[in-house]
Amino acid sequence: MDTVKCIFYGVFLSALSGVCETVNPASLGLVGDTADVIRPTSGGTVLVGGGPDVDEAMQWMITKSGGGDFVVLRATGTNAYNSYIYGLGSVNSVETLLINSRTLANDLLVEAAIRGAEAIFIAGGDQANYVNYWKDTKVEAALNYLRNVKQIPIGGTSAGCAILGGTYFSALYGTVTSSEALGNPYISYLTLGHNDFLSQPYLSNVITDTHFNNPDRRGRLITFLARMNQDYGVVGRGIGVDESTAVCIESGGTGRVFGSGTAFFLSQNGLASKPETCVNGSPLDWYRNRQAVIVCKIVGSRAGSGSFDLNTWSQISGGINQYYYINRGILGISV
């Protein structure tokens, strides 16, 4: 065979067979064909609210992957997704990469495995790990290349979903509750990143939150939107997703809701509708005649029939509209 060029790190060369065999230092194992394939793909983004996985959302990703190589990324945990995803549809392979250091996030073999994928899914865990380990590394560059140049589907659940928005709750000092955030929008636990990590179409000024069937999540998401307006001068928008629920965003910007729960699409009611009080040390006030934030609730289904337009930020089908507002740190709902 012709001369083979190999990366020495983690590579073993068999002199008898003349085969260059690479060992990815982050791999937790692979099911399916070990040979890389190239398949036609179409772009998309999947936001999963945590809890039990949504089969229809994974199958949506498999279809968009063209049946190519599916790669799962995580910083903790096991390779349990391998057999689950492989059993859902026709894919060439499923591999899980455990990337729990900046060294691994800058490893050439890890980068190559990610760039060769036709679909990427980011598991749950702690989003602070993803920010600390992956931000400003080859992993970040590879993920942005895959979604915006190669045009493949990228999804995430729980913490993996939390980092997909252009604005994101980084949780660098731990989580934050609604009461803490509403009582002081600048409490030290409320750490945000803004357009400096992953770049997903239609999510540049959107923040995501998960496990949204827990009502405690709603007040903190409203606080995230208030901070987006106050700190970055943008109309704060957010997507909250229940457990067992997924928002699958098509390449044209339509978000279809799959699963058994509800997806919430929130938007500040116009740029002029600023919070009345959003300062360090005081409760959030965002009243605006009880219409501070417009909320569209869409219940999921197996067919994904309920949908939302992320271009115009308005419902397409299956939505119920209401308003959220904050009065001296207390969340209220009006219709």
Protein backbone atom coordinates (compact mmCIF):
# COMPACT_ATOMS: atom_id res chain seq x y z
CA MET A 1 0.00 0.00 0.00
CA ASP A 2 1.07 3.63 -0.35
CA THR A 3 2.85 5.40 2.49
CA VAL A 4 0.41 6.03 5.33
CA LYS A 5 0.65 9.18 7.39
CA CYS A 6 -0.47 8.71 10.97
CA ILE A 7 -0.80 10.92 14.03
CA PHE A 8 1.57 9.29 16.51
CA TYR A 9 -0.57 9.98 19.59
CA GLY A 10 -2.83 7.01 20.17
CA VAL A 11 -1.89 5.34 16.87
CA PHE A 12 -0.62 1.83 16.36
CA LEU A 13 0.90 0.72 13.06
CA SER A 14 0.86 -2.93 12.15
CA ALA A 15 3.96 -3.67 10.10
CA LEU A 16 2.54 -6.98 8.89
CA SER A 17 -0.75 -5.66 7.55
CA GLY A 18 0.39 -2.18 6.66
CA VAL A 19 -2.76 -0.76 8.24
CA CYS A 20 -2.81 2.46 10.24
CA GLU A 21 -5.23 1.93 13.13
CA THR A 22 -6.23 4.94 15.21
CA VAL A 23 -7.40 4.81 18.80
CA ASN A 24 -9.49 7.80 19.81
CA PRO A 25 -8.59 8.69 23.42
CA ALA A 26 -12.12 9.99 24.12
CA SER A 27 -14.08 7.06 22.68
CA LEU A 28 -16.38 5.06 24.94
CA GLY A 29 -17.03 2.60 22.15
CA LEU A 30 -18.75 2.36 18.78
CA VAL A 31 -21.54 0.20 17.39
CA GLY A 32 -21.94 -0.42 13.68
CA ASP A 33 -19.46 0.04 10.86
CA THR A 34 -16.06 1.38 11.92
CA ALA A 35 -15.38 2.73 8.43
CA ASP A 36 -16.18 6.39 7.90
CA VAL A 37 -18.88 7.14 5.34
CA ILE A 38 -20.00 10.30 3.60
CA ARG A 39 -23.75 10.75 3.27
CA PRO A 40 -25.91 13.69 2.13
CA THR A 41 -27.20 15.58 5.16
CA SER A 42 -29.53 18.46 5.95
CA GLY A 43 -29.14 20.85 8.83
CA GLY A 44 -31.32 21.12 11.90
CA THR A 45 -31.25 21.69 15.65
CA VAL A 46 -32.93 19.59 18.34
CA LEU A 47 -33.72 20.95 21.81
CA VAL A 48 -34.70 18.18 24.26
CA GLY A 49 -36.06 19.03 27.70
CA GLY A 50 -34.36 16.20 29.59
CA GLY A 51 -35.82 13.12 31.22
CA PRO A 52 -36.81 10.19 28.98
CA ASP A 53 -35.54 10.58 25.44
CA VAL A 54 -37.90 11.35 22.56
CA ASP A 55 -37.65 8.61 19.94
CA GLU A 56 -39.26 10.72 17.22
CA ALA A 57 -36.69 13.49 17.66
CA MET A 58 -33.80 11.02 17.37
CA GLN A 59 -35.39 9.51 14.27
CA TRP A 60 -35.76 13.02 12.85
CA MET A 61 -32.02 13.45 13.32
CA ILE A 62 -31.26 10.06 11.78
CA THR A 63 -33.26 10.99 8.68
CA LYS A 64 -31.40 14.28 8.34
CA SER A 65 -28.08 12.48 8.84
CA GLY A 66 -28.67 10.44 5.69
CA GLY A 67 -27.93 7.32 7.71
CA GLY A 68 -24.33 8.34 8.29
CA ASP A 69 -22.18 8.32 11.41
CA PHE A 70 -23.91 9.50 14.59
CA VAL A 71 -21.67 10.85 17.38
CA VAL A 72 -22.73 11.45 20.99
CA LEU A 73 -20.73 13.95 23.04
CA ARG A 74 -20.59 14.10 26.83
CA ALA A 75 -18.32 15.06 29.73
CA THR A 76 -19.61 12.44 32.19
CA GLY A 77 -21.53 9.20 31.88
CA THR A 78 -21.54 6.07 29.74
CA ASN A 79 -22.07 4.90 26.17
CA ALA A 80 -25.71 3.91 26.77
CA TYR A 81 -26.85 6.08 23.84
CA ASN A 82 -24.96 3.87 21.37
CA SER A 83 -27.33 0.91 21.34
CA TYR A 84 -30.42 3.11 21.84
CA ILE A 85 -29.78 5.31 18.79
CA TYR A 86 -28.50 2.42 16.67
CA GLY A 87 -31.77 0.58 17.28
CA LEU A 88 -33.97 3.50 16.21
CA GLY A 89 -33.10 3.63 12.53
CA SER A 90 -30.61 2.98 9.79
CA VAL A 91 -27.27 4.59 10.70
CA ASN A 92 -23.78 3.56 9.70
CA SER A 93 -22.48 3.81 13.27
CA VAL A 94 -23.00 5.39 16.68
CA GLU A 95 -20.02 6.40 18.82
CA THR A 96 -19.86 8.15 22.19
CA LEU A 97 -16.98 10.50 22.99
CA LEU A 98 -16.26 11.42 26.61
CA ILE A 99 -14.54 14.82 26.42
CA ASN A 100 -13.80 15.83 30.01
CA SER A 101 -10.72 18.03 29.64
CA ARG A 102 -9.46 20.83 27.45
CA THR A 103 -6.63 18.52 26.40
CA LEU A 104 -9.12 16.07 24.90
CA ALA A 105 -11.15 18.95 23.45
CA ASN A 106 -8.06 19.98 21.48
CA ASP A 107 -7.00 16.45 20.50
CA LEU A 108 -6.68 15.96 16.74
CA LEU A 109 -8.29 12.51 16.76
CA VAL A 110 -11.25 13.79 18.77
CA GLU A 111 -11.64 16.70 16.38
CA ALA A 112 -11.49 14.39 13.36
CA ALA A 113 -14.15 12.07 14.81
CA ILE A 114 -16.48 15.00 15.39
CA ARG A 115 -15.91 16.57 11.97
CA GLY A 116 -16.60 13.23 10.31
CA ALA A 117 -20.05 12.93 11.87
CA GLU A 118 -23.35 13.24 10.03
CA ALA A 119 -25.25 13.87 13.29
CA ILE A 120 -24.21 15.08 16.75
CA PHE A 121 -26.09 14.70 20.02
CA ILE A 122 -24.89 16.32 23.27
CA ALA A 123 -25.92 14.40 26.37
CA GLY A 124 -27.11 15.82 29.68
CA GLY A 125 -24.95 16.50 32.71
CA ASP A 126 -23.54 19.84 33.86
CA GLN A 127 -23.30 22.58 31.26
CA ALA A 128 -20.48 24.20 33.22
CA ASN A 129 -18.34 21.22 32.18
CA TYR A 130 -19.13 21.86 28.54
CA VAL A 131 -18.27 25.54 28.88
CA ASN A 132 -15.09 24.91 30.87
CA TYR A 133 -13.85 22.00 28.74
CA TRP A 134 -15.07 22.85 25.21
CA LYS A 135 -15.34 26.62 24.81
CA ASP A 136 -12.57 28.10 22.62
CA THR A 137 -11.27 24.66 21.62
CA LYS A 138 -11.26 22.45 18.54
CA VAL A 139 -14.53 20.90 19.73
CA GLU A 140 -16.26 24.28 19.60
CA ALA A 141 -14.85 25.00 16.13
CA ALA A 142 -15.86 21.55 14.88
CA LEU A 143 -19.44 21.87 16.15
CA ASN A 144 -19.89 25.28 14.55
CA TYR A 145 -18.44 23.95 11.29
CA LEU A 146 -20.79 20.96 11.30
CA ARG A 147 -23.97 22.97 11.78
CA ASN A 148 -23.18 25.98 9.64
CA VAL A 149 -20.95 24.64 6.86
CA LYS A 150 -21.39 20.87 6.58
CA GLN A 151 -25.08 21.31 7.50
CA ILE A 152 -25.80 18.35 9.76
CA PRO A 153 -28.37 17.96 12.57
CA ILE A 154 -27.12 18.81 16.07
CA GLY A 155 -29.16 18.15 19.20
CA GLY A 156 -28.83 18.16 22.94
CA THR A 157 -30.78 17.23 26.04
CA SER A 158 -30.83 18.98 29.43
CA ALA A 159 -27.32 20.47 29.83
CA GLY A 160 -26.64 19.59 26.20
CA CYS A 161 -29.65 21.67 25.21
CA ALA A 162 -28.69 24.52 27.55
CA ILE A 163 -25.53 25.33 25.55
CA LEU A 164 -27.20 25.43 22.13
CA GLY A 165 -28.68 28.92 22.48
CA GLY A 166 -26.64 31.93 21.40
CA THR A 167 -27.20 33.20 24.93
CA TYR A 168 -26.79 30.44 27.51
CA PHE A 169 -26.89 29.87 31.25
CA SER A 170 -23.35 28.65 31.92
CA ALA A 171 -23.91 27.51 35.55
CA LEU A 172 -20.26 28.26 36.31
CA TYR A 173 -21.07 28.72 40.02
CA GLY A 174 -23.83 26.15 40.20
CA THR A 175 -27.51 26.25 39.33
CA VAL A 176 -29.89 29.06 40.16
CA THR A 177 -33.51 28.80 41.31
CA SER A 178 -36.34 31.04 40.22
CA SER A 179 -36.67 32.61 43.66
CA GLU A 180 -32.96 33.45 43.70
CA ALA A 181 -32.99 34.89 40.18
CA LEU A 182 -36.19 36.87 40.64
CA GLY A 183 -35.06 38.15 44.03
CA ASN A 184 -31.79 39.44 42.55
CA PRO A 185 -31.25 39.22 38.75
CA TYR A 186 -27.49 39.71 39.30
CA ILE A 187 -27.02 37.07 41.99
CA SER A 188 -23.61 35.44 41.55
CA TYR A 189 -25.12 32.10 40.51
CA LEU A 190 -26.74 33.65 37.43
CA THR A 191 -23.89 33.47 34.92
CA LEU A 192 -24.66 34.02 31.25
CA GLY A 193 -22.67 33.70 28.06
CA HIS A 194 -23.69 35.58 24.92
CA ASN A 195 -22.80 34.73 21.31
CA ASP A 196 -19.35 33.43 22.25
CA PHE A 197 -19.71 29.64 22.11
CA LEU A 198 -21.96 27.57 19.82
CA SER A 199 -23.65 29.11 16.81
CA GLN A 200 -26.99 27.58 15.83
CA PRO A 201 -29.19 29.15 13.12
CA TYR A 202 -32.25 30.98 14.52
CA LEU A 203 -30.87 30.88 18.08
CA SER A 204 -28.41 33.80 18.07
CA ASN A 205 -30.48 35.85 20.55
CA VAL A 206 -32.30 32.94 22.16
CA ILE A 207 -31.67 31.22 25.48
CA THR A 208 -32.95 27.73 26.26
CA ASP A 209 -34.05 26.04 29.47
CA THR A 210 -35.11 22.48 30.18
CA HIS A 211 -37.07 20.37 32.70
CA PHE A 212 -39.68 23.07 32.19
CA ASN A 213 -42.51 20.96 33.56
CA ASN A 214 -41.01 22.04 36.89
CA PRO A 215 -42.73 25.44 37.42
CA ASP A 216 -39.66 26.71 39.26
CA ARG A 217 -37.82 26.97 35.94
CA ARG A 218 -40.16 29.64 34.55
CA GLY A 219 -39.20 32.54 36.77
CA ARG A 220 -35.52 32.08 36.14
CA LEU A 221 -36.03 31.95 32.36
CA ILE A 222 -37.90 35.25 32.55
CA THR A 223 -34.94 36.63 34.50
CA PHE A 224 -32.57 35.39 31.78
CA LEU A 225 -34.61 37.37 29.23
CA ALA A 226 -34.51 40.48 31.41
CA ARG A 227 -30.74 40.18 31.68
CA MET A 228 -30.42 39.75 27.90
CA ASN A 229 -32.24 43.02 27.39
CA GLN A 230 -30.41 44.84 30.16
CA ASP A 231 -26.90 43.56 29.40
CA TYR A 232 -26.90 43.07 25.62
CA GLY A 233 -29.62 45.44 24.40
CA VAL A 234 -31.55 42.75 22.53
CA VAL A 235 -35.13 41.53 22.61
CA GLY A 236 -34.90 38.65 25.07
CA ARG A 237 -36.24 35.40 23.66
CA GLY A 238 -36.28 31.94 25.17
CA ILE A 239 -37.39 28.38 24.59
CA GLY A 240 -38.38 26.29 27.61
CA VAL A 241 -38.89 22.58 27.02
CA ASP A 242 -40.62 20.04 29.27
CA GLU A 243 -39.07 16.66 29.96
CA SER A 244 -39.94 13.95 27.40
CA THR A 245 -40.36 16.75 24.83
CA ALA A 246 -38.26 18.02 21.93
CA VAL A 247 -38.27 21.02 19.61
CA CYS A 248 -36.87 20.05 16.22
CA ILE A 249 -35.87 23.14 14.22
CA GLU A 250 -35.95 22.63 10.47
CA SER A 251 -33.41 24.28 8.16
CA GLY A 252 -36.02 26.90 7.24
CA GLY A 253 -36.66 27.92 10.85
CA THR A 254 -39.84 25.97 11.68
CA GLY A 255 -39.71 24.38 15.13
CA ARG A 256 -41.80 21.21 15.40
CA VAL A 257 -42.70 19.93 18.87
CA PHE A 258 -42.44 16.18 19.49
CA GLY A 259 -43.07 14.19 22.65
CA SER A 260 -45.55 14.12 25.51
CA GLY A 261 -44.95 17.51 27.14
CA THR A 262 -45.07 21.19 26.18
CA ALA A 263 -42.63 23.63 24.62
CA PHE A 264 -42.76 27.29 25.64
CA PHE A 265 -41.65 30.04 23.24
CA LEU A 266 -41.09 33.32 25.12
CA SER A 267 -40.34 36.77 23.80
CA GLN A 268 -40.01 40.18 25.36
CA ASN A 269 -43.02 42.21 24.20
CA GLY A 270 -41.03 44.59 22.02
CA LEU A 271 -37.63 46.19 22.61
CA ALA A 272 -39.26 49.16 24.36
CA SER A 273 -40.89 46.82 26.87
CA LYS A 274 -37.86 46.88 29.14
CA PRO A 275 -37.92 45.64 32.72
CA GLU A 276 -38.92 48.42 35.11
CA THR A 277 -36.24 47.27 37.58
CA CYS A 278 -33.37 44.94 36.74
CA VAL A 279 -30.45 45.82 38.99
CA ASN A 280 -28.11 44.08 41.38
CA GLY A 281 -29.53 43.59 44.85
CA SER A 282 -33.22 44.29 44.09
CA PRO A 283 -36.11 42.05 43.04
CA LEU A 284 -36.91 41.99 39.35
CA ASP A 285 -39.87 44.15 38.27
CA TRP A 286 -41.14 43.50 34.76
CA TYR A 287 -44.81 44.36 34.78
CA ARG A 288 -45.64 46.35 31.62
CA ASN A 289 -49.38 46.24 32.21
CA ARG A 290 -49.12 42.47 32.84
CA GLN A 291 -47.87 41.92 29.28
CA ALA A 292 -44.08 42.00 29.68
CA VAL A 293 -43.34 38.67 27.98
CA ILE A 294 -45.39 36.94 25.28
CA VAL A 295 -45.59 33.17 25.74
CA CYS A 296 -46.71 30.61 23.19
CA LYS A 297 -47.30 27.10 24.58
CA ILE A 298 -47.31 24.19 22.13
CA VAL A 299 -48.07 20.64 23.21
CA GLY A 300 -45.94 17.94 21.65
CA SER A 301 -47.13 14.90 19.72
CA ARG A 302 -45.64 11.86 18.04
CA ALA A 303 -46.21 13.51 14.66
CA GLY A 304 -44.75 16.88 15.64
CA SER A 305 -47.87 18.59 14.33
CA GLY A 306 -47.61 21.63 16.63
CA SER A 307 -45.12 24.12 15.26
CA PHE A 308 -43.59 27.57 15.71
CA ASP A 309 -41.90 29.93 13.25
CA LEU A 310 -38.52 31.10 14.59
CA ASN A 311 -38.20 33.60 11.73
CA THR A 312 -41.23 35.65 12.75
CA TRP A 313 -41.32 34.31 16.32
CA SER A 314 -45.00 33.36 16.05
CA GLN A 315 -47.00 30.16 16.20
CA ILE A 316 -47.82 28.18 13.09
CA SER A 317 -50.13 25.56 14.58
CA GLY A 318 -51.25 24.17 17.90
CA GLY A 319 -50.26 27.10 20.11
CA ILE A 320 -51.92 28.86 23.04
CA ASN A 321 -50.77 32.41 23.82
CA GLN A 322 -50.53 34.10 27.21
CA TYR A 323 -48.34 36.65 29.01
CA TYR A 324 -45.84 36.40 31.87
CA TYR A 325 -44.98 39.36 34.05
CA ILE A 326 -43.00 39.95 37.24
CA ASN A 327 -44.26 42.10 40.11
CA ARG A 328 -41.59 42.69 42.77
CA GLY A 329 -39.99 39.32 42.17
CA ILE A 330 -43.24 37.34 41.85
CA LEU A 331 -44.22 35.64 38.59
CA GLY A 332 -47.73 36.31 37.27
CA ILE A 333 -49.62 34.98 34.24
CA SER A 334 -52.31 36.79 32.23
CA VAL A 335 -54.22 36.06 29.05
